[in-house]
Amino acid sequence: MIYTAIDTTPEIVAIDETHPFVAIDTSADFEAAFFWEQLDIPTGTIDGANTIFTLPAEYTSVRYFLNGVEKTEGVDYTVSGTTLTVDPPPETGDEHWILCQL
């Protein structure tokens, strides 16, 4: 499913407990638009120790969310190809997902 974030700082809200989406601000300038695709949870074990997860594909830009909070690229996570490395590792019971720029 594809969502369009017209603002450069779109609001992330939850459809349900596990699926975020980007709210659309139709009043903003279209030139500032970014296009994001909702993706499944990165593959890997969430156990408080694992820091390496696999993305379904390579993307131009990846936004990572842990328990509904967007994390900072280069500080909380890095992406290389289809490898997502996070620090600190998510704990058992945590939920995480990604939004990727097409």
C-alpha atoms as a PDB file:
ATOM      1  CA  MET A   1       0.000   0.000   0.000  1.00  0.00           C
ATOM      2  CA  ILE A   2       1.436   3.436  -0.914  1.00  0.00           C
ATOM      3  CA  TYR A   3       0.879   6.581   1.115  1.00  0.00           C
ATOM      4  CA  THR A   4       1.943  10.082   0.139  1.00  0.00           C
ATOM      5  CA  ALA A   5       3.497  12.438   2.661  1.00  0.00           C
ATOM      6  CA  ILE A   6       2.980  15.924   1.257  1.00  0.00           C
ATOM      7  CA  ASP A   7       4.699  17.633   4.191  1.00  0.00           C
ATOM      8  CA  THR A   8       8.409  17.060   4.888  1.00  0.00           C
ATOM      9  CA  THR A   9       7.495  16.071   8.457  1.00  0.00           C
ATOM     10  CA  PRO A  10       4.452  13.824   8.081  1.00  0.00           C
ATOM     11  CA  GLU A  11       2.629  12.617  11.148  1.00  0.00           C
ATOM     12  CA  ILE A  12       2.870   8.893  11.799  1.00  0.00           C
ATOM     13  CA  VAL A  13      -0.301   7.445  13.244  1.00  0.00           C
ATOM     14  CA  ALA A  14      -1.497   3.876  13.789  1.00  0.00           C
ATOM     15  CA  ILE A  15      -4.259   2.116  11.880  1.00  0.00           C
ATOM     16  CA  ASP A  16      -4.082  -0.672  14.448  1.00  0.00           C
ATOM     17  CA  GLU A  17      -1.485  -2.055  16.847  1.00  0.00           C
ATOM     18  CA  THR A  18       0.996  -3.081  14.131  1.00  0.00           C
ATOM     19  CA  HIS A  19       0.514  -0.981  10.984  1.00  0.00           C
ATOM     20  CA  PRO A  20       1.565   2.686  10.810  1.00  0.00           C
ATOM     21  CA  PHE A  21       0.647   5.033   8.033  1.00  0.00           C
ATOM     22  CA  VAL A  22       1.597   8.510   6.924  1.00  0.00           C
ATOM     23  CA  ALA A  23      -1.080  11.166   7.306  1.00  0.00           C
ATOM     24  CA  ILE A  24      -1.656  13.308   4.231  1.00  0.00           C
ATOM     25  CA  ASP A  25      -1.409  17.097   4.449  1.00  0.00           C
ATOM     26  CA  THR A  26      -3.007  18.330   1.230  1.00  0.00           C
ATOM     27  CA  SER A  27      -2.355  22.003   2.051  1.00  0.00           C
ATOM     28  CA  ALA A  28       1.437  21.776   1.683  1.00  0.00           C
ATOM     29  CA  ASP A  29       3.496  22.544  -1.408  1.00  0.00           C
ATOM     30  CA  PHE A  30       3.659  19.486  -3.701  1.00  0.00           C
ATOM     31  CA  GLU A  31       7.343  20.181  -4.485  1.00  0.00           C
ATOM     32  CA  ALA A  32       8.166  19.135  -0.903  1.00  0.00           C
ATOM     33  CA  ALA A  33       6.493  15.762  -1.430  1.00  0.00           C
ATOM     34  CA  PHE A  34       8.087  12.491  -0.492  1.00  0.00           C
ATOM     35  CA  PHE A  35       6.611   9.140  -1.401  1.00  0.00           C
ATOM     36  CA  TRP A  36       6.712   6.384   1.187  1.00  0.00           C
ATOM     37  CA  GLU A  37       5.586   2.779   1.054  1.00  0.00           C
ATOM     38  CA  GLN A  38       4.429   0.925   4.133  1.00  0.00           C
ATOM     39  CA  LEU A  39       6.430  -2.249   4.544  1.00  0.00           C
ATOM     40  CA  ASP A  40       6.274  -5.270   6.788  1.00  0.00           C
ATOM     41  CA  ILE A  41       8.366  -5.633   9.893  1.00  0.00           C
ATOM     42  CA  PRO A  42      12.074  -6.184   9.115  1.00  0.00           C
ATOM     43  CA  THR A  43      13.098  -9.846   9.328  1.00  0.00           C
ATOM     44  CA  GLY A  44      15.102 -10.868  12.396  1.00  0.00           C
ATOM     45  CA  THR A  45      14.781 -11.958  16.004  1.00  0.00           C
ATOM     46  CA  ILE A  46      13.655  -9.373  18.564  1.00  0.00           C
ATOM     47  CA  ASP A  47      15.293 -10.631  21.759  1.00  0.00           C
ATOM     48  CA  GLY A  48      17.200  -7.758  23.359  1.00  0.00           C
ATOM     49  CA  ALA A  49      20.487  -8.940  21.828  1.00  0.00           C
ATOM     50  CA  ASN A  50      20.022  -9.042  18.030  1.00  0.00           C
ATOM     51  CA  THR A  51      20.955  -5.806  16.273  1.00  0.00           C
ATOM     52  CA  ILE A  52      20.884  -7.035  12.638  1.00  0.00           C
ATOM     53  CA  PHE A  53      17.648  -7.182  10.628  1.00  0.00           C
ATOM     54  CA  THR A  54      16.911  -7.764   6.945  1.00  0.00           C
ATOM     55  CA  LEU A  55      14.893  -5.430   4.729  1.00  0.00           C
ATOM     56  CA  PRO A  56      12.799  -6.815   1.845  1.00  0.00           C
ATOM     57  CA  ALA A  57      14.705  -4.719  -0.737  1.00  0.00           C
ATOM     58  CA  GLU A  58      17.205  -1.871  -1.176  1.00  0.00           C
ATOM     59  CA  TYR A  59      15.676   1.609  -0.973  1.00  0.00           C
ATOM     60  CA  THR A  60      16.724   5.218  -1.453  1.00  0.00           C
ATOM     61  CA  SER A  61      15.845   6.112   2.130  1.00  0.00           C
ATOM     62  CA  VAL A  62      14.596   4.171   5.159  1.00  0.00           C
ATOM     63  CA  ARG A  63      12.800   5.515   8.227  1.00  0.00           C
ATOM     64  CA  TYR A  64      12.880   3.200  11.255  1.00  0.00           C
ATOM     65  CA  PHE A  65      10.308   3.189  14.066  1.00  0.00           C
ATOM     66  CA  LEU A  66      10.529   1.383  17.402  1.00  0.00           C
ATOM     67  CA  ASN A  67       7.378   1.186  19.522  1.00  0.00           C
ATOM     68  CA  GLY A  68       5.846   4.030  17.513  1.00  0.00           C
ATOM     69  CA  VAL A  69       8.827   6.392  17.887  1.00  0.00           C
ATOM     70  CA  GLU A  70      10.867   7.376  14.840  1.00  0.00           C
ATOM     71  CA  LYS A  71      14.568   6.744  15.418  1.00  0.00           C
ATOM     72  CA  THR A  72      17.497   8.793  14.109  1.00  0.00           C
ATOM     73  CA  GLU A  73      19.462   7.399  11.181  1.00  0.00           C
ATOM     74  CA  GLY A  74      23.195   7.273  11.889  1.00  0.00           C
ATOM     75  CA  VAL A  75      22.547   7.338  15.647  1.00  0.00           C
ATOM     76  CA  ASP A  76      19.916   4.675  16.393  1.00  0.00           C
ATOM     77  CA  TYR A  77      20.184   2.729  13.139  1.00  0.00           C
ATOM     78  CA  THR A  78      22.078   2.376   9.877  1.00  0.00           C
ATOM     79  CA  VAL A  79      21.143   0.807   6.565  1.00  0.00           C
ATOM     80  CA  SER A  80      23.518  -0.870   4.127  1.00  0.00           C
ATOM     81  CA  GLY A  81      21.849  -2.565   1.179  1.00  0.00           C
ATOM     82  CA  THR A  82      19.169  -4.769   2.708  1.00  0.00           C
ATOM     83  CA  THR A  83      20.785  -4.846   6.163  1.00  0.00           C
ATOM     84  CA  LEU A  84      19.299  -2.755   8.965  1.00  0.00           C
ATOM     85  CA  THR A  85      21.538  -2.427  12.031  1.00  0.00           C
ATOM     86  CA  VAL A  86      19.949  -0.958  15.158  1.00  0.00           C
ATOM     87  CA  ASP A  87      21.450   0.204  18.455  1.00  0.00           C
ATOM     88  CA  PRO A  88      20.283  -0.477  21.069  1.00  0.00           C
ATOM     89  CA  PRO A  89      18.675  -3.787  20.068  1.00  0.00           C
ATOM     90  CA  PRO A  90      14.897  -4.016  20.424  1.00  0.00           C
ATOM     91  CA  GLU A  91      13.733  -5.931  23.497  1.00  0.00           C
ATOM     92  CA  THR A  92      11.400  -8.930  23.505  1.00  0.00           C
ATOM     93  CA  GLY A  93       7.876  -7.569  23.058  1.00  0.00           C
ATOM     94  CA  ASP A  94       8.997  -4.423  21.220  1.00  0.00           C
ATOM     95  CA  GLU A  95       7.404  -3.638  17.865  1.00  0.00           C
ATOM     96  CA  HIS A  96       9.302  -2.090  14.985  1.00  0.00           C
ATOM     97  CA  TRP A  97       8.672  -1.262  11.343  1.00  0.00           C
ATOM     98  CA  ILE A  98      10.112   0.741   8.479  1.00  0.00           C
ATOM     99  CA  LEU A  99       8.883   3.219   5.912  1.00  0.00           C
ATOM    100  CA  CYS A 100      10.989   3.350   2.756  1.00  0.00           C
ATOM    101  CA  GLN A 101      11.312   6.058   0.141  1.00  0.00           C
ATOM    102  CA  LEU A 102      10.496   4.737  -3.312  1.00  0.00           C
END
